[in-house]
PDB file of N, CA and C in Angstrom:
ATOM      1  N   UNK A   1     -13.443  29.959 -42.875  1.00  0.00           N
ATOM      2  CA  UNK A   1     -13.398  28.835 -42.546  1.00  0.00           C
ATOM      3  C   UNK A   1     -14.606  28.241 -42.261  1.00  0.00           C
ATOM      4  N   UNK A   2     -14.999  26.780 -42.945  1.00  0.00           N
ATOM      5  CA  UNK A   2     -16.734  26.220 -42.450  1.00  0.00           C
ATOM      6  C   UNK A   2     -16.296  25.765 -41.121  1.00  0.00           C
ATOM      7  N   UNK A   3     -17.515  26.026 -40.157  1.00  0.00           N
ATOM      8  CA  UNK A   3     -17.709  25.470 -39.405  1.00  0.00           C
ATOM      9  C   UNK A   3     -19.009  24.428 -39.483  1.00  0.00           C
ATOM     10  N   UNK A   4     -18.576  23.403 -38.881  1.00  0.00           N
ATOM     11  CA  UNK A   4     -18.896  21.792 -39.050  1.00  0.00           C
ATOM     12  C   UNK A   4     -19.660  21.985 -37.805  1.00  0.00           C
ATOM     13  N   UNK A   5     -21.097  22.242 -38.405  1.00  0.00           N
ATOM     14  CA  UNK A   5     -22.648  22.241 -37.692  1.00  0.00           C
ATOM     15  C   UNK A   5     -23.089  20.908 -37.181  1.00  0.00           C
ATOM     16  N   UNK A   6     -22.877  20.651 -35.631  1.00  0.00           N
ATOM     17  CA  UNK A   6     -23.172  19.508 -35.214  1.00  0.00           C
ATOM     18  C   UNK A   6     -22.212  18.341 -34.706  1.00  0.00           C
ATOM     19  N   UNK A   7     -20.707  18.799 -35.096  1.00  0.00           N
ATOM     20  CA  UNK A   7     -19.961  18.047 -35.125  1.00  0.00           C
ATOM     21  C   UNK A   7     -19.592  17.998 -33.390  1.00  0.00           C
ATOM     22  N   UNK A   8     -19.361  17.279 -32.854  1.00  0.00           N
ATOM     23  CA  UNK A   8     -18.855  17.551 -31.075  1.00  0.00           C
ATOM     24  C   UNK A   8     -17.508  18.590 -31.217  1.00  0.00           C
ATOM     25  N   UNK A   9     -17.577  19.247 -30.317  1.00  0.00           N
ATOM     26  CA  UNK A   9     -16.556  20.068 -29.837  1.00  0.00           C
ATOM     27  C   UNK A   9     -15.372  19.351 -29.087  1.00  0.00           C
ATOM     28  N   UNK A  10     -15.869  18.365 -28.442  1.00  0.00           N
ATOM     29  CA  UNK A  10     -15.189  17.826 -27.732  1.00  0.00           C
ATOM     30  C   UNK A  10     -15.155  16.486 -27.573  1.00  0.00           C
ATOM     31  N   UNK A  11     -14.332  15.283 -27.116  1.00  0.00           N
ATOM     32  CA  UNK A  11     -14.957  13.969 -26.375  1.00  0.00           C
ATOM     33  C   UNK A  11     -15.783  14.212 -24.982  1.00  0.00           C
ATOM     34  N   UNK A  12     -16.841  13.814 -25.113  1.00  0.00           N
ATOM     35  CA  UNK A  12     -17.712  13.804 -24.040  1.00  0.00           C
ATOM     36  C   UNK A  12     -17.111  13.374 -22.605  1.00  0.00           C
ATOM     37  N   UNK A  13     -17.128  14.625 -21.441  1.00  0.00           N
ATOM     38  CA  UNK A  13     -16.447  14.213 -20.215  1.00  0.00           C
ATOM     39  C   UNK A  13     -14.660  14.505 -20.406  1.00  0.00           C
ATOM     40  N   UNK A  14     -14.401  15.221 -21.163  1.00  0.00           N
ATOM     41  CA  UNK A  14     -12.778  15.053 -21.203  1.00  0.00           C
ATOM     42  C   UNK A  14     -12.464  16.997 -21.837  1.00  0.00           C
ATOM     43  N   UNK A  15     -11.269  16.750 -22.001  1.00  0.00           N
ATOM     44  CA  UNK A  15     -10.569  18.204 -22.529  1.00  0.00           C
ATOM     45  C   UNK A  15     -10.429  18.329 -23.723  1.00  0.00           C
ATOM     46  N   UNK A  16     -10.389  16.762 -24.355  1.00  0.00           N
ATOM     47  CA  UNK A  16     -10.161  16.466 -25.558  1.00  0.00           C
ATOM     48  C   UNK A  16     -10.779  17.534 -26.562  1.00  0.00           C
ATOM     49  N   UNK A  17      -9.890  18.107 -27.472  1.00  0.00           N
ATOM     50  CA  UNK A  17     -11.131  19.199 -28.211  1.00  0.00           C
ATOM     51  C   UNK A  17     -11.034  18.482 -29.819  1.00  0.00           C
ATOM     52  N   UNK A  18     -12.202  18.839 -30.369  1.00  0.00           N
ATOM     53  CA  UNK A  18     -12.150  18.124 -31.869  1.00  0.00           C
ATOM     54  C   UNK A  18     -12.210  19.244 -32.822  1.00  0.00           C
ATOM     55  N   UNK A  19     -12.875  20.828 -32.347  1.00  0.00           N
ATOM     56  CA  UNK A  19     -13.146  21.608 -33.189  1.00  0.00           C
ATOM     57  C   UNK A  19     -12.156  22.466 -32.223  1.00  0.00           C
ATOM     58  N   UNK A  20     -12.235  23.962 -33.524  1.00  0.00           N
ATOM     59  CA  UNK A  20     -11.539  25.440 -33.120  1.00  0.00           C
ATOM     60  C   UNK A  20     -12.907  26.260 -33.260  1.00  0.00           C
ATOM     61  N   UNK A  21     -13.075  27.447 -32.388  1.00  0.00           N
ATOM     62  CA  UNK A  21     -13.735  28.270 -32.442  1.00  0.00           C
ATOM     63  C   UNK A  21     -13.880  29.210 -33.848  1.00  0.00           C
ATOM     64  N   UNK A  22     -12.690  29.179 -33.917  1.00  0.00           N
ATOM     65  CA  UNK A  22     -12.386  30.871 -34.636  1.00  0.00           C
ATOM     66  C   UNK A  22     -10.810  30.268 -35.438  1.00  0.00           C
ATOM     67  N   UNK A  23     -10.679  30.993 -36.376  1.00  0.00           N
ATOM     68  CA  UNK A  23      -9.410  30.693 -37.103  1.00  0.00           C
ATOM     69  C   UNK A  23      -8.204  31.391 -36.424  1.00  0.00           C
ATOM     70  N   UNK A  24      -6.923  30.860 -36.309  1.00  0.00           N
ATOM     71  CA  UNK A  24      -5.680  31.793 -36.076  1.00  0.00           C
ATOM     72  C   UNK A  24      -5.357  32.379 -36.561  1.00  0.00           C
ATOM     73  N   UNK A  25      -5.449  33.819 -35.891  1.00  0.00           N
ATOM     74  CA  UNK A  25      -4.768  35.215 -36.165  1.00  0.00           C
ATOM     75  C   UNK A  25      -3.362  35.109 -36.920  1.00  0.00           C
ATOM     76  N   UNK A  26      -2.366  33.886 -36.177  1.00  0.00           N
ATOM     77  CA  UNK A  26      -0.984  33.933 -36.572  1.00  0.00           C
ATOM     78  C   UNK A  26      -0.807  33.284 -37.665  1.00  0.00           C
ATOM     79  N   UNK A  27      -1.917  32.703 -38.373  1.00  0.00           N
ATOM     80  CA  UNK A  27      -1.601  31.826 -39.619  1.00  0.00           C
ATOM     81  C   UNK A  27      -2.277  30.210 -39.350  1.00  0.00           C
ATOM     82  N   UNK A  28      -2.829  29.316 -40.277  1.00  0.00           N
ATOM     83  CA  UNK A  28      -3.197  27.997 -40.056  1.00  0.00           C
ATOM     84  C   UNK A  28      -2.270  27.253 -39.879  1.00  0.00           C
ATOM     85  N   UNK A  29      -2.597  26.280 -38.398  1.00  0.00           N
ATOM     86  CA  UNK A  29      -1.605  24.970 -38.271  1.00  0.00           C
ATOM     87  C   UNK A  29      -2.036  23.835 -39.303  1.00  0.00           C
ATOM     88  N   UNK A  30      -0.460  23.599 -39.667  1.00  0.00           N
ATOM     89  CA  UNK A  30      -0.696  22.916 -40.542  1.00  0.00           C
ATOM     90  C   UNK A  30      -1.144  21.206 -40.354  1.00  0.00           C
ATOM     91  N   UNK A  31      -1.672  20.565 -40.891  1.00  0.00           N
ATOM     92  CA  UNK A  31      -2.131  19.573 -40.422  1.00  0.00           C
ATOM     93  C   UNK A  31      -0.814  18.194 -40.865  1.00  0.00           C
ATOM     94  N   UNK A  32       0.001  17.514 -40.021  1.00  0.00           N
ATOM     95  CA  UNK A  32       1.256  16.885 -40.148  1.00  0.00           C
ATOM     96  C   UNK A  32       0.629  15.497 -39.165  1.00  0.00           C
ATOM     97  N   UNK A  33       1.331  14.513 -39.917  1.00  0.00           N
ATOM     98  CA  UNK A  33       1.120  12.834 -39.681  1.00  0.00           C
ATOM     99  C   UNK A  33       2.025  12.649 -38.441  1.00  0.00           C
ATOM    100  N   UNK A  34       1.237  12.763 -37.551  1.00  0.00           N
ATOM    101  CA  UNK A  34       1.908  12.159 -36.122  1.00  0.00           C
ATOM    102  C   UNK A  34       2.144  10.523 -35.608  1.00  0.00           C
ATOM    103  N   UNK A  35       2.887   9.905 -35.477  1.00  0.00           N
ATOM    104  CA  UNK A  35       2.973   8.473 -35.310  1.00  0.00           C
ATOM    105  C   UNK A  35       2.393   8.219 -34.159  1.00  0.00           C
ATOM    106  N   UNK A  36       1.551   7.352 -34.206  1.00  0.00           N
ATOM    107  CA  UNK A  36       0.560   6.681 -32.906  1.00  0.00           C
ATOM    108  C   UNK A  36       1.435   5.352 -32.340  1.00  0.00           C
ATOM    109  N   UNK A  37       2.048   5.443 -31.046  1.00  0.00           N
ATOM    110  CA  UNK A  37       2.905   4.144 -30.446  1.00  0.00           C
ATOM    111  C   UNK A  37       2.114   3.406 -30.180  1.00  0.00           C
ATOM    112  N   UNK A  38       2.383   2.401 -30.143  1.00  0.00           N
ATOM    113  CA  UNK A  38       1.098   1.088 -29.177  1.00  0.00           C
ATOM    114  C   UNK A  38       1.358   1.337 -27.868  1.00  0.00           C
ATOM    115  N   UNK A  39       2.115   2.395 -26.926  1.00  0.00           N
ATOM    116  CA  UNK A  39       2.114   2.421 -25.780  1.00  0.00           C
ATOM    117  C   UNK A  39       1.175   3.686 -25.329  1.00  0.00           C
ATOM    118  N   UNK A  40       0.432   4.042 -26.393  1.00  0.00           N
ATOM    119  CA  UNK A  40      -0.347   5.484 -25.854  1.00  0.00           C
ATOM    120  C   UNK A  40      -1.109   5.371 -24.617  1.00  0.00           C
ATOM    121  N   UNK A  41      -1.138   6.088 -24.327  1.00  0.00           N
ATOM    122  CA  UNK A  41      -2.714   6.159 -22.877  1.00  0.00           C
ATOM    123  C   UNK A  41      -4.018   6.020 -23.283  1.00  0.00           C
ATOM    124  N   UNK A  42      -4.588   5.506 -22.382  1.00  0.00           N
ATOM    125  CA  UNK A  42      -5.756   5.014 -22.817  1.00  0.00           C
ATOM    126  C   UNK A  42      -6.762   6.188 -23.294  1.00  0.00           C
ATOM    127  N   UNK A  43      -6.682   7.720 -22.574  1.00  0.00           N
ATOM    128  CA  UNK A  43      -7.575   8.360 -22.753  1.00  0.00           C
ATOM    129  C   UNK A  43      -7.136   8.925 -24.220  1.00  0.00           C
ATOM    130  N   UNK A  44      -5.918   8.925 -24.486  1.00  0.00           N
ATOM    131  CA  UNK A  44      -5.421   9.294 -26.101  1.00  0.00           C
ATOM    132  C   UNK A  44      -6.045   8.640 -26.875  1.00  0.00           C
ATOM    133  N   UNK A  45      -5.971   6.964 -26.827  1.00  0.00           N
ATOM    134  CA  UNK A  45      -6.827   6.193 -27.692  1.00  0.00           C
ATOM    135  C   UNK A  45      -8.290   6.467 -27.862  1.00  0.00           C
ATOM    136  N   UNK A  46      -8.688   6.835 -26.853  1.00  0.00           N
ATOM    137  CA  UNK A  46     -10.270   6.614 -26.631  1.00  0.00           C
ATOM    138  C   UNK A  46     -10.650   8.588 -27.587  1.00  0.00           C
ATOM    139  N   UNK A  47      -9.864   9.299 -27.602  1.00  0.00           N
ATOM    140  CA  UNK A  47      -9.943  10.274 -27.834  1.00  0.00           C
ATOM    141  C   UNK A  47      -9.601  10.179 -29.698  1.00  0.00           C
ATOM    142  N   UNK A  48      -9.059   9.291 -30.232  1.00  0.00           N
ATOM    143  CA  UNK A  48      -8.716   9.248 -31.478  1.00  0.00           C
ATOM    144  C   UNK A  48     -10.250   8.435 -31.727  1.00  0.00           C
ATOM    145  N   UNK A  49     -10.909   7.560 -31.262  1.00  0.00           N
ATOM    146  CA  UNK A  49     -11.951   6.229 -31.618  1.00  0.00           C
ATOM    147  C   UNK A  49     -12.841   7.687 -31.826  1.00  0.00           C
ATOM    148  N   UNK A  50     -12.852   8.355 -30.399  1.00  0.00           N
ATOM    149  CA  UNK A  50     -14.152   9.232 -30.392  1.00  0.00           C
ATOM    150  C   UNK A  50     -14.118  10.581 -31.590  1.00  0.00           C
ATOM    151  N   UNK A  51     -12.932  10.980 -31.832  1.00  0.00           N
ATOM    152  CA  UNK A  51     -13.030  11.503 -33.122  1.00  0.00           C
ATOM    153  C   UNK A  51     -13.256  10.702 -34.443  1.00  0.00           C
ATOM    154  N   UNK A  52     -12.751   9.997 -34.716  1.00  0.00           N
ATOM    155  CA  UNK A  52     -13.028   8.963 -35.872  1.00  0.00           C
ATOM    156  C   UNK A  52     -14.626   8.526 -35.994  1.00  0.00           C
ATOM    157  N   UNK A  53     -15.024   8.335 -34.909  1.00  0.00           N
ATOM    158  CA  UNK A  53     -16.418   8.283 -34.985  1.00  0.00           C
ATOM    159  C   UNK A  53     -17.247   9.572 -35.378  1.00  0.00           C
ATOM    160  N   UNK A  54     -16.917  10.621 -34.874  1.00  0.00           N
ATOM    161  CA  UNK A  54     -17.402  11.943 -35.082  1.00  0.00           C
ATOM    162  C   UNK A  54     -17.162  11.921 -36.402  1.00  0.00           C
ATOM    163  N   UNK A  55     -16.195  11.762 -37.129  1.00  0.00           N
ATOM    164  CA  UNK A  55     -15.658  12.170 -38.493  1.00  0.00           C
ATOM    165  C   UNK A  55     -16.623  11.064 -39.401  1.00  0.00           C
ATOM    166  N   UNK A  56     -16.775   9.999 -39.002  1.00  0.00           N
ATOM    167  CA  UNK A  56     -17.799   8.864 -39.805  1.00  0.00           C
ATOM    168  C   UNK A  56     -19.108   9.196 -39.440  1.00  0.00           C
ATOM    169  N   UNK A  57     -19.814   9.359 -38.517  1.00  0.00           N
ATOM    170  CA  UNK A  57     -20.834   9.752 -38.569  1.00  0.00           C
ATOM    171  C   UNK A  57     -21.345  11.120 -39.160  1.00  0.00           C
ATOM    172  N   UNK A  58     -20.651  11.893 -39.009  1.00  0.00           N
ATOM    173  CA  UNK A  58     -20.686  13.516 -40.367  1.00  0.00           C
ATOM    174  C   UNK A  58     -20.528  13.099 -41.354  1.00  0.00           C
ATOM    175  N   UNK A  59     -19.389  12.703 -41.788  1.00  0.00           N
ATOM    176  CA  UNK A  59     -18.769  12.593 -43.780  1.00  0.00           C
ATOM    177  C   UNK A  59     -18.687  11.276 -44.147  1.00  0.00           C
ATOM    178  N   UNK A  60     -19.113  10.338 -43.138  1.00  0.00           N
ATOM    179  CA  UNK A  60     -18.943   8.941 -44.235  1.00  0.00           C
ATOM    180  C   UNK A  60     -17.785   8.349 -44.933  1.00  0.00           C
ATOM    181  N   UNK A  61     -17.951   8.202 -46.286  1.00  0.00           N
ATOM    182  CA  UNK A  61     -16.748   7.983 -47.238  1.00  0.00           C
ATOM    183  C   UNK A  61     -16.736   9.110 -47.980  1.00  0.00           C
ATOM    184  N   UNK A  62     -17.342  10.157 -47.904  1.00  0.00           N
ATOM    185  CA  UNK A  62     -17.264  11.432 -48.935  1.00  0.00           C
ATOM    186  C   UNK A  62     -16.379  12.373 -48.417  1.00  0.00           C
ATOM    187  N   UNK A  63     -15.602  12.835 -49.136  1.00  0.00           N
ATOM    188  CA  UNK A  63     -14.830  14.057 -49.185  1.00  0.00           C
ATOM    189  C   UNK A  63     -15.376  15.511 -48.343  1.00  0.00           C
ATOM    190  N   UNK A  64     -14.379  15.877 -46.955  1.00  0.00           N
ATOM    191  CA  UNK A  64     -15.119  16.851 -46.263  1.00  0.00           C
ATOM    192  C   UNK A  64     -13.815  17.813 -46.133  1.00  0.00           C
ATOM    193  N   UNK A  65     -14.382  18.935 -45.920  1.00  0.00           N
ATOM    194  CA  UNK A  65     -13.482  20.617 -45.402  1.00  0.00           C
ATOM    195  C   UNK A  65     -13.001  20.559 -44.496  1.00  0.00           C
ATOM    196  N   UNK A  66     -11.722  20.789 -44.255  1.00  0.00           N
ATOM    197  CA  UNK A  66     -11.049  20.564 -42.986  1.00  0.00           C
ATOM    198  C   UNK A  66     -11.745  21.513 -42.064  1.00  0.00           C
ATOM    199  N   UNK A  67     -12.079  22.930 -42.667  1.00  0.00           N
ATOM    200  CA  UNK A  67     -13.071  23.743 -41.763  1.00  0.00           C
ATOM    201  C   UNK A  67     -12.472  24.041 -40.444  1.00  0.00           C
ATOM    202  N   UNK A  68     -13.190  24.088 -39.135  1.00  0.00           N
ATOM    203  CA  UNK A  68     -12.735  24.685 -38.313  1.00  0.00           C
ATOM    204  C   UNK A  68     -11.977  23.162 -37.110  1.00  0.00           C
ATOM    205  N   UNK A  69     -12.431  22.131 -37.889  1.00  0.00           N
ATOM    206  CA  UNK A  69     -11.550  20.481 -37.119  1.00  0.00           C
ATOM    207  C   UNK A  69     -10.440  20.961 -36.823  1.00  0.00           C
ATOM    208  N   UNK A  70     -10.133  20.293 -35.501  1.00  0.00           N
ATOM    209  CA  UNK A  70      -9.032  20.664 -34.908  1.00  0.00           C
ATOM    210  C   UNK A  70      -7.809  20.073 -35.765  1.00  0.00           C
ATOM    211  N   UNK A  71      -6.720  20.881 -36.013  1.00  0.00           N
ATOM    212  CA  UNK A  71      -5.332  20.397 -36.343  1.00  0.00           C
ATOM    213  C   UNK A  71      -4.745  19.588 -35.827  1.00  0.00           C
ATOM    214  N   UNK A  72      -4.666  19.636 -34.710  1.00  0.00           N
ATOM    215  CA  UNK A  72      -3.830  18.700 -33.650  1.00  0.00           C
ATOM    216  C   UNK A  72      -4.463  17.052 -33.890  1.00  0.00           C
ATOM    217  N   UNK A  73      -5.880  17.135 -33.891  1.00  0.00           N
ATOM    218  CA  UNK A  73      -6.583  15.957 -33.511  1.00  0.00           C
ATOM    219  C   UNK A  73      -6.414  15.305 -34.909  1.00  0.00           C
ATOM    220  N   UNK A  74      -6.837  15.793 -35.886  1.00  0.00           N
ATOM    221  CA  UNK A  74      -6.584  15.522 -37.026  1.00  0.00           C
ATOM    222  C   UNK A  74      -5.101  14.832 -37.586  1.00  0.00           C
ATOM    223  N   UNK A  75      -4.164  15.542 -37.008  1.00  0.00           N
ATOM    224  CA  UNK A  75      -3.064  15.066 -37.418  1.00  0.00           C
ATOM    225  C   UNK A  75      -2.717  13.429 -36.542  1.00  0.00           C
ATOM    226  N   UNK A  76      -3.535  13.345 -35.542  1.00  0.00           N
ATOM    227  CA  UNK A  76      -3.088  12.172 -35.371  1.00  0.00           C
ATOM    228  C   UNK A  76      -3.694  10.587 -35.889  1.00  0.00           C
ATOM    229  N   UNK A  77      -4.554  11.271 -36.946  1.00  0.00           N
ATOM    230  CA  UNK A  77      -5.272  10.234 -37.963  1.00  0.00           C
ATOM    231  C   UNK A  77      -4.795  10.255 -39.347  1.00  0.00           C
ATOM    232  N   UNK A  78      -3.847  11.764 -39.461  1.00  0.00           N
ATOM    233  CA  UNK A  78      -3.706  11.612 -41.154  1.00  0.00           C
ATOM    234  C   UNK A  78      -2.615  10.999 -41.462  1.00  0.00           C
ATOM    235  N   UNK A  79      -2.949  10.439 -42.920  1.00  0.00           N
ATOM    236  CA  UNK A  79      -1.965   9.963 -43.648  1.00  0.00           C
ATOM    237  C   UNK A  79      -1.928   8.319 -43.470  1.00  0.00           C
ATOM    238  N   UNK A  80      -3.113   8.048 -42.701  1.00  0.00           N
ATOM    239  CA  UNK A  80      -3.260   6.509 -42.333  1.00  0.00           C
ATOM    240  C   UNK A  80      -5.038   6.705 -42.677  1.00  0.00           C
ATOM    241  N   UNK A  81      -5.687   7.051 -41.555  1.00  0.00           N
ATOM    242  CA  UNK A  81      -7.186   6.715 -41.564  1.00  0.00           C
ATOM    243  C   UNK A  81      -8.136   7.758 -42.588  1.00  0.00           C
ATOM    244  N   UNK A  82      -7.345   9.109 -42.486  1.00  0.00           N
ATOM    245  CA  UNK A  82      -7.663  10.164 -43.051  1.00  0.00           C
ATOM    246  C   UNK A  82      -6.802  10.829 -44.045  1.00  0.00           C
ATOM    247  N   UNK A  83      -6.980  10.767 -45.331  1.00  0.00           N
ATOM    248  CA  UNK A  83      -6.046  11.343 -46.148  1.00  0.00           C
ATOM    249  C   UNK A  83      -6.388  12.263 -46.827  1.00  0.00           C
ATOM    250  N   UNK A  84      -5.525  12.859 -47.765  1.00  0.00           N
ATOM    251  CA  UNK A  84      -5.847  14.158 -48.610  1.00  0.00           C
ATOM    252  C   UNK A  84      -7.182  13.467 -50.040  1.00  0.00           C
ATOM    253  N   UNK A  85      -7.730  14.443 -50.094  1.00  0.00           N
ATOM    254  CA  UNK A  85      -8.826  14.174 -50.895  1.00  0.00           C
ATOM    255  C   UNK A  85      -8.621  14.899 -52.585  1.00  0.00           C
ATOM    256  N   UNK A  86      -7.878  15.846 -52.248  1.00  0.00           N
ATOM    257  CA  UNK A  86      -7.086  16.266 -53.452  1.00  0.00           C
ATOM    258  C   UNK A  86      -5.770  16.458 -53.746  1.00  0.00           C
ATOM    259  N   UNK A  87      -5.879  16.785 -54.830  1.00  0.00           N
ATOM    260  CA  UNK A  87      -3.879  16.638 -55.463  1.00  0.00           C
ATOM    261  C   UNK A  87      -4.033  18.351 -56.059  1.00  0.00           C
ATOM    262  N   UNK A  88      -3.179  19.149 -55.705  1.00  0.00           N
ATOM    263  CA  UNK A  88      -2.065  19.208 -54.607  1.00  0.00           C
ATOM    264  C   UNK A  88      -2.656  19.610 -53.462  1.00  0.00           C
ATOM    265  N   UNK A  89      -2.566  18.633 -52.151  1.00  0.00           N
ATOM    266  CA  UNK A  89      -2.896  19.365 -51.119  1.00  0.00           C
ATOM    267  C   UNK A  89      -2.065  20.363 -50.088  1.00  0.00           C
ATOM    268  N   UNK A  90      -2.806  21.472 -49.220  1.00  0.00           N
ATOM    269  CA  UNK A  90      -2.262  22.232 -48.849  1.00  0.00           C
ATOM    270  C   UNK A  90      -2.548  22.152 -47.469  1.00  0.00           C
ATOM    271  N   UNK A  91      -1.559  21.140 -46.403  1.00  0.00           N
ATOM    272  CA  UNK A  91      -2.144  21.124 -45.275  1.00  0.00           C
ATOM    273  C   UNK A  91      -2.108  22.359 -44.025  1.00  0.00           C
ATOM    274  N   UNK A  92      -2.213  23.583 -44.451  1.00  0.00           N
ATOM    275  CA  UNK A  92      -2.265  24.647 -44.448  1.00  0.00           C
ATOM    276  C   UNK A  92      -3.384  25.512 -44.728  1.00  0.00           C
ATOM    277  N   UNK A  93      -4.161  24.990 -45.047  1.00  0.00           N
ATOM    278  CA  UNK A  93      -5.911  25.366 -45.570  1.00  0.00           C
ATOM    279  C   UNK A  93      -6.482  25.035 -45.257  1.00  0.00           C
ATOM    280  N   UNK A  94      -7.817  26.215 -44.671  1.00  0.00           N
ATOM    281  CA  UNK A  94      -8.999  25.633 -44.158  1.00  0.00           C
ATOM    282  C   UNK A  94     -10.176  24.813 -44.761  1.00  0.00           C
ATOM    283  N   UNK A  95      -9.747  25.287 -46.199  1.00  0.00           N
ATOM    284  CA  UNK A  95     -10.464  24.874 -47.340  1.00  0.00           C
ATOM    285  C   UNK A  95     -10.184  23.654 -47.956  1.00  0.00           C
ATOM    286  N   UNK A  96      -9.031  22.855 -47.539  1.00  0.00           N
ATOM    287  CA  UNK A  96      -8.190  21.977 -47.536  1.00  0.00           C
ATOM    288  C   UNK A  96      -9.657  20.775 -47.467  1.00  0.00           C
ATOM    289  N   UNK A  97      -9.525  19.709 -48.796  1.00  0.00           N
ATOM    290  CA  UNK A  97     -10.452  18.543 -48.352  1.00  0.00           C
ATOM    291  C   UNK A  97      -9.833  17.664 -47.927  1.00  0.00           C
ATOM    292  N   UNK A  98     -10.208  16.200 -47.233  1.00  0.00           N
ATOM    293  CA  UNK A  98      -9.899  15.225 -46.564  1.00  0.00           C
ATOM    294  C   UNK A  98     -10.853  14.312 -46.886  1.00  0.00           C
ATOM    295  N   UNK A  99     -10.696  12.793 -46.936  1.00  0.00           N
ATOM    296  CA  UNK A  99     -11.587  11.604 -46.721  1.00  0.00           C
ATOM    297  C   UNK A  99     -10.838  10.834 -46.004  1.00  0.00           C
ATOM    298  N   UNK A 100     -11.947  10.171 -45.283  1.00  0.00           N
ATOM    299  CA  UNK A 100     -11.731   8.996 -44.389  1.00  0.00           C
ATOM    300  C   UNK A 100     -11.350   7.424 -45.390  1.00  0.00           C
ATOM    301  N   UNK A 101     -10.007   6.708 -44.972  1.00  0.00           N
ATOM    302  CA  UNK A 101     -10.017   5.752 -45.681  1.00  0.00           C
ATOM    303  C   UNK A 101     -10.284   4.731 -45.065  1.00  0.00           C
ATOM    304  N   UNK A 102     -11.364   4.349 -45.712  1.00  0.00           N
ATOM    305  CA  UNK A 102     -12.497   3.033 -44.881  1.00  0.00           C
ATOM    306  C   UNK A 102     -11.481   2.111 -44.586  1.00  0.00           C
ATOM    307  N   UNK A 103     -10.720   1.485 -45.522  1.00  0.00           N
ATOM    308  CA  UNK A 103     -10.022  -0.061 -45.178  1.00  0.00           C
ATOM    309  C   UNK A 103      -9.180   0.358 -44.268  1.00  0.00           C
ATOM    310  N   UNK A 104      -8.741   1.310 -43.972  1.00  0.00           N
ATOM    311  CA  UNK A 104      -7.221   1.395 -42.824  1.00  0.00           C
ATOM    312  C   UNK A 104      -8.503   1.724 -41.765  1.00  0.00           C
ATOM    313  N   UNK A 105      -9.276   2.544 -41.467  1.00  0.00           N
ATOM    314  CA  UNK A 105     -10.076   3.113 -40.813  1.00  0.00           C
ATOM    315  C   UNK A 105     -11.028   1.799 -40.200  1.00  0.00           C
ATOM    316  N   UNK A 106     -11.088   1.051 -40.680  1.00  0.00           N
ATOM    317  CA  UNK A 106     -11.507  -0.494 -40.098  1.00  0.00           C
ATOM    318  C   UNK A 106     -10.796  -1.504 -39.857  1.00  0.00           C
ATOM    319  N   UNK A 107      -9.553  -1.287 -39.687  1.00  0.00           N
ATOM    320  CA  UNK A 107      -8.683  -1.849 -39.259  1.00  0.00           C
ATOM    321  C   UNK A 107      -7.923  -1.057 -37.938  1.00  0.00           C
ATOM    322  N   UNK A 108      -7.874   0.075 -38.159  1.00  0.00           N
ATOM    323  CA  UNK A 108      -7.430   1.018 -36.385  1.00  0.00           C
ATOM    324  C   UNK A 108      -8.815   0.818 -35.789  1.00  0.00           C
ATOM    325  N   UNK A 109     -10.081   0.920 -36.346  1.00  0.00           N
ATOM    326  CA  UNK A 109     -11.257   0.911 -35.162  1.00  0.00           C
ATOM    327  C   UNK A 109     -12.127   0.322 -35.740  1.00  0.00           C
ATOM    328  N   UNK A 110     -11.891  -1.058 -35.100  1.00  0.00           N
ATOM    329  CA  UNK A 110     -13.401  -1.606 -35.454  1.00  0.00           C
ATOM    330  C   UNK A 110     -14.629  -1.700 -35.198  1.00  0.00           C
ATOM    331  N   UNK A 111     -14.399  -1.204 -33.628  1.00  0.00           N
ATOM    332  CA  UNK A 111     -15.506  -0.859 -33.106  1.00  0.00           C
ATOM    333  C   UNK A 111     -16.213  -0.003 -33.571  1.00  0.00           C
ATOM    334  N   UNK A 112     -16.179   1.014 -34.316  1.00  0.00           N
ATOM    335  CA  UNK A 112     -16.700   1.885 -34.966  1.00  0.00           C
ATOM    336  C   UNK A 112     -17.423   1.302 -36.835  1.00  0.00           C
ATOM    337  N   UNK A 113     -16.486   0.225 -37.157  1.00  0.00           N
ATOM    338  CA  UNK A 113     -16.849  -0.384 -38.328  1.00  0.00           C
ATOM    339  C   UNK A 113     -17.436  -1.446 -38.581  1.00  0.00           C
ATOM    340  N   UNK A 114     -17.957  -1.930 -37.391  1.00  0.00           N
ATOM    341  CA  UNK A 114     -18.728  -3.002 -36.933  1.00  0.00           C
ATOM    342  C   UNK A 114     -17.756  -4.205 -36.867  1.00  0.00           C
ATOM    343  N   UNK A 115     -16.410  -4.086 -36.887  1.00  0.00           N
ATOM    344  CA  UNK A 115     -15.601  -5.324 -36.985  1.00  0.00           C
ATOM    345  C   UNK A 115     -15.134  -6.155 -35.591  1.00  0.00           C
TER     346      UNK A 115
END
């Protein structure tokens, strides 16, 4: 499992986790698209925004390996702002390649992308 050095471990001042420390011995947690409802709590929205900002700062518009990025946090963005960068895509692989859909990310997170 690739460890993304320099990637923030969590949203500063919170318990919202961005990375995992070690592989899950029971198997890899799958990345699944989770629906974000408009009435989500502000802390959850800040966590999504902070995670997207960290992804953009570290990877930009280039494909990146899932590695030690938290599956739960990725799942809140998956299928919209973060999409598979390979076909076929294995949602249960630490080596799976993802990429930011810049157009979707600009709409969802205008503060990050200068909108």
